[in-house]
N, C-alpha and C. Protein backbone atom coordinates (compact mmCIF):
# COMPACT_ATOMS: atom_id res chain seq x y z
N MET A 1 0.85 -1.18 0.00
CA MET A 1 0.00 0.00 0.00
C MET A 1 0.89 1.24 0.00
N ASN A 2 0.57 2.19 -0.85
CA ASN A 2 1.36 3.42 -0.98
C ASN A 2 1.47 4.20 0.33
N THR A 3 0.42 4.22 1.10
CA THR A 3 0.42 4.99 2.35
C THR A 3 1.47 4.46 3.32
N LEU A 4 1.56 3.17 3.46
CA LEU A 4 2.56 2.57 4.35
C LEU A 4 3.96 2.91 3.85
N TYR A 5 4.19 2.82 2.56
CA TYR A 5 5.50 3.14 1.99
C TYR A 5 5.87 4.60 2.27
N ILE A 6 4.95 5.51 2.05
CA ILE A 6 5.22 6.94 2.24
C ILE A 6 5.50 7.25 3.71
N LEU A 7 4.67 6.74 4.60
CA LEU A 7 4.89 6.99 6.04
C LEU A 7 6.21 6.40 6.51
N THR A 8 6.57 5.23 6.01
CA THR A 8 7.85 4.61 6.38
C THR A 8 9.01 5.43 5.85
N MET A 9 8.92 5.87 4.61
CA MET A 9 9.97 6.69 4.02
C MET A 9 10.15 7.99 4.80
N LEU A 10 9.05 8.64 5.16
CA LEU A 10 9.13 9.89 5.90
C LEU A 10 9.76 9.67 7.27
N ARG A 11 9.50 8.53 7.89
CA ARG A 11 10.07 8.25 9.21
C ARG A 11 11.60 8.24 9.15
N ARG A 12 12.16 7.75 8.06
CA ARG A 12 13.62 7.71 7.92
C ARG A 12 14.24 9.09 7.89
N TYR A 13 13.49 10.10 7.46
CA TYR A 13 14.03 11.44 7.29
C TYR A 13 13.65 12.43 8.40
N VAL A 14 12.88 11.98 9.36
CA VAL A 14 12.49 12.86 10.47
C VAL A 14 13.27 12.44 11.70
N ALA A 15 13.95 13.41 12.32
CA ALA A 15 14.74 13.13 13.53
C ALA A 15 13.84 12.61 14.64
N ASP A 16 14.43 11.93 15.62
CA ASP A 16 13.66 11.35 16.71
C ASP A 16 12.83 12.40 17.46
N GLY A 17 13.29 13.63 17.52
CA GLY A 17 12.54 14.70 18.19
C GLY A 17 11.60 15.44 17.26
N GLY A 18 11.52 15.02 16.00
CA GLY A 18 10.69 15.70 15.01
C GLY A 18 9.23 15.27 15.07
N MET A 19 8.44 15.82 14.16
CA MET A 19 7.02 15.53 14.08
C MET A 19 6.59 15.43 12.62
N LEU A 20 5.48 14.79 12.41
CA LEU A 20 4.87 14.68 11.09
C LEU A 20 3.43 15.16 11.20
N PHE A 21 3.06 16.12 10.37
CA PHE A 21 1.68 16.62 10.33
C PHE A 21 1.13 16.27 8.96
N PHE A 22 -0.06 15.68 8.91
CA PHE A 22 -0.71 15.42 7.64
C PHE A 22 -2.22 15.34 7.83
N THR A 23 -2.92 15.42 6.73
CA THR A 23 -4.37 15.28 6.76
C THR A 23 -4.76 14.00 6.03
N ALA A 24 -5.90 13.46 6.40
CA ALA A 24 -6.40 12.24 5.78
C ALA A 24 -7.93 12.26 5.82
N ASN A 25 -8.52 11.57 4.88
CA ASN A 25 -9.97 11.44 4.82
C ASN A 25 -10.35 10.17 5.57
N ILE A 26 -10.78 10.32 6.82
CA ILE A 26 -11.17 9.18 7.65
C ILE A 26 -12.69 9.07 7.60
N GLU A 27 -13.17 7.93 7.16
CA GLU A 27 -14.60 7.69 6.99
C GLU A 27 -15.05 6.56 7.88
N GLY A 28 -16.05 6.81 8.70
CA GLY A 28 -16.57 5.78 9.59
C GLY A 28 -17.44 4.75 8.89
N ARG A 29 -17.85 5.03 7.67
CA ARG A 29 -18.77 4.14 6.97
C ARG A 29 -18.08 3.10 6.10
N ILE A 30 -16.74 3.07 6.11
CA ILE A 30 -16.03 2.06 5.33
C ILE A 30 -15.28 1.13 6.27
N ASP A 31 -15.00 -0.08 5.79
CA ASP A 31 -14.34 -1.09 6.62
C ASP A 31 -12.82 -1.03 6.53
N PHE A 32 -12.28 -0.50 5.44
CA PHE A 32 -10.84 -0.60 5.23
C PHE A 32 -10.33 0.61 4.46
N TYR A 33 -10.42 0.57 3.15
CA TYR A 33 -9.91 1.62 2.28
C TYR A 33 -10.77 1.66 1.03
N GLU A 34 -11.07 2.85 0.57
CA GLU A 34 -11.84 3.02 -0.67
C GLU A 34 -11.37 4.26 -1.39
N GLU A 35 -11.62 4.29 -2.66
CA GLU A 35 -11.40 5.49 -3.46
C GLU A 35 -12.76 6.13 -3.71
N LYS A 36 -12.84 7.42 -3.47
CA LYS A 36 -14.09 8.12 -3.71
C LYS A 36 -14.43 8.11 -5.19
N ASN A 37 -13.41 8.30 -6.03
CA ASN A 37 -13.58 8.26 -7.48
C ASN A 37 -12.63 7.18 -8.01
N ARG A 38 -13.16 6.06 -8.36
CA ARG A 38 -12.33 4.91 -8.76
C ARG A 38 -11.60 5.12 -10.08
N THR A 39 -11.98 6.13 -10.84
CA THR A 39 -11.27 6.40 -12.10
C THR A 39 -10.01 7.22 -11.89
N VAL A 40 -9.82 7.75 -10.67
CA VAL A 40 -8.63 8.53 -10.33
C VAL A 40 -7.99 7.91 -9.09
N PRO A 41 -7.18 6.86 -9.26
CA PRO A 41 -6.56 6.21 -8.11
C PRO A 41 -5.76 7.19 -7.25
N THR A 42 -5.93 7.09 -5.96
CA THR A 42 -5.31 7.92 -4.92
C THR A 42 -5.70 9.40 -5.01
N GLY A 43 -6.67 9.72 -5.83
CA GLY A 43 -7.13 11.10 -5.94
C GLY A 43 -7.99 11.53 -4.77
N ALA A 44 -8.70 10.61 -4.19
CA ALA A 44 -9.56 10.90 -3.03
C ALA A 44 -9.65 9.65 -2.17
N SER A 45 -8.54 9.29 -1.55
CA SER A 45 -8.48 8.08 -0.73
C SER A 45 -9.26 8.27 0.56
N MET A 46 -9.97 7.23 0.96
CA MET A 46 -10.71 7.23 2.22
C MET A 46 -10.23 6.04 3.04
N TYR A 47 -9.98 6.27 4.33
CA TYR A 47 -9.47 5.24 5.23
C TYR A 47 -10.41 5.04 6.40
N SER A 48 -10.47 3.82 6.89
CA SER A 48 -11.11 3.60 8.18
C SER A 48 -10.10 4.05 9.24
N LEU A 49 -10.58 4.45 10.39
CA LEU A 49 -9.70 4.88 11.47
C LEU A 49 -8.78 3.74 11.89
N GLU A 50 -9.31 2.53 11.94
CA GLU A 50 -8.52 1.36 12.33
C GLU A 50 -7.37 1.12 11.37
N LEU A 51 -7.64 1.20 10.07
CA LEU A 51 -6.58 0.98 9.08
C LEU A 51 -5.51 2.05 9.18
N LEU A 52 -5.92 3.31 9.24
CA LEU A 52 -4.94 4.38 9.30
C LEU A 52 -4.08 4.28 10.56
N ALA A 53 -4.69 3.94 11.68
CA ALA A 53 -3.92 3.76 12.93
C ALA A 53 -2.89 2.66 12.78
N LYS A 54 -3.25 1.57 12.14
CA LYS A 54 -2.32 0.46 11.92
C LYS A 54 -1.18 0.88 11.01
N LEU A 55 -1.47 1.58 9.93
CA LEU A 55 -0.43 2.04 9.01
C LEU A 55 0.55 2.99 9.70
N ILE A 56 0.02 3.87 10.52
CA ILE A 56 0.87 4.81 11.26
C ILE A 56 1.78 4.05 12.21
N ARG A 57 1.22 3.14 12.96
CA ARG A 57 1.99 2.35 13.93
C ARG A 57 3.03 1.48 13.22
N ASP A 58 2.63 0.80 12.14
CA ASP A 58 3.55 -0.10 11.43
C ASP A 58 4.70 0.64 10.77
N SER A 59 4.55 1.94 10.54
CA SER A 59 5.61 2.71 9.89
C SER A 59 6.50 3.44 10.90
N GLY A 60 6.28 3.21 12.19
CA GLY A 60 7.17 3.76 13.21
C GLY A 60 6.74 5.09 13.82
N TRP A 61 5.47 5.42 13.69
CA TRP A 61 4.94 6.67 14.24
C TRP A 61 3.94 6.37 15.34
N ARG A 62 3.68 7.37 16.17
CA ARG A 62 2.56 7.30 17.12
C ARG A 62 1.78 8.60 16.99
N VAL A 63 0.49 8.51 17.08
CA VAL A 63 -0.37 9.69 16.94
C VAL A 63 -0.36 10.47 18.24
N SER A 64 -0.02 11.75 18.14
CA SER A 64 -0.04 12.64 19.30
C SER A 64 -1.35 13.40 19.38
N SER A 65 -1.92 13.74 18.22
CA SER A 65 -3.24 14.39 18.22
C SER A 65 -3.95 14.11 16.91
N LEU A 66 -5.26 14.09 17.02
CA LEU A 66 -6.14 13.89 15.88
C LEU A 66 -7.28 14.88 16.01
N LEU A 67 -7.37 15.79 15.05
CA LEU A 67 -8.44 16.79 15.09
C LEU A 67 -9.44 16.50 13.97
N PRO A 68 -10.72 16.74 14.23
CA PRO A 68 -11.74 16.47 13.21
C PRO A 68 -11.65 17.44 12.04
N ARG A 69 -12.24 17.04 10.94
CA ARG A 69 -12.28 17.94 9.78
C ARG A 69 -13.04 19.20 10.15
N PHE A 70 -12.68 20.26 9.47
CA PHE A 70 -13.29 21.58 9.68
C PHE A 70 -13.07 22.10 11.09
N TYR A 71 -11.96 21.72 11.70
CA TYR A 71 -11.60 22.24 13.02
C TYR A 71 -11.42 23.74 12.91
N SER A 72 -12.06 24.50 13.77
CA SER A 72 -12.00 25.97 13.77
C SER A 72 -12.36 26.56 12.42
N GLY A 73 -13.20 25.88 11.67
CA GLY A 73 -13.66 26.40 10.40
C GLY A 73 -12.70 26.22 9.25
N LEU A 74 -11.56 25.56 9.48
CA LEU A 74 -10.60 25.35 8.40
C LEU A 74 -11.09 24.25 7.47
N PRO A 75 -11.03 24.47 6.16
CA PRO A 75 -11.54 23.47 5.20
C PRO A 75 -10.50 22.39 4.90
N MET A 76 -10.34 21.44 5.81
CA MET A 76 -9.44 20.33 5.56
C MET A 76 -10.01 19.05 6.17
N MET A 77 -9.39 17.94 5.80
CA MET A 77 -9.81 16.66 6.34
C MET A 77 -9.33 16.55 7.80
N GLU A 78 -9.47 15.37 8.37
CA GLU A 78 -8.95 15.14 9.71
C GLU A 78 -7.45 15.40 9.70
N SER A 79 -6.94 16.04 10.73
CA SER A 79 -5.50 16.32 10.77
C SER A 79 -4.86 15.54 11.90
N LEU A 80 -3.68 15.00 11.60
CA LEU A 80 -2.96 14.17 12.54
C LEU A 80 -1.57 14.74 12.76
N LEU A 81 -1.15 14.73 14.01
CA LEU A 81 0.21 15.09 14.37
C LEU A 81 0.83 13.84 14.98
N CYS A 82 1.95 13.41 14.41
CA CYS A 82 2.59 12.16 14.85
C CYS A 82 4.02 12.43 15.28
N HIS A 83 4.47 11.61 16.23
CA HIS A 83 5.85 11.63 16.70
C HIS A 83 6.45 10.25 16.42
N PRO A 84 7.77 10.19 16.25
CA PRO A 84 8.41 8.88 16.05
C PRO A 84 8.23 8.01 17.31
N MET A 85 8.15 6.71 17.10
CA MET A 85 8.07 5.78 18.23
C MET A 85 9.45 5.51 18.74
């Protein structure tokens, strides 16, 4: 899975005291992973919370914070701040 590869690659380049901030489309209505538009792979990826948590953990990160989409009126997906394990 591309997400695991990217998170693992980023872990190699972030110092132990560093952080990773990213946004993701977390959907409670899916079991694993789906594309919103199947004709555009990775154009609108949707993850279950369980899958994304596993990918983060398996790539050497731990979630420090998770904020819901539209936090403080900002137009973005769920935002995650991670620290190296």
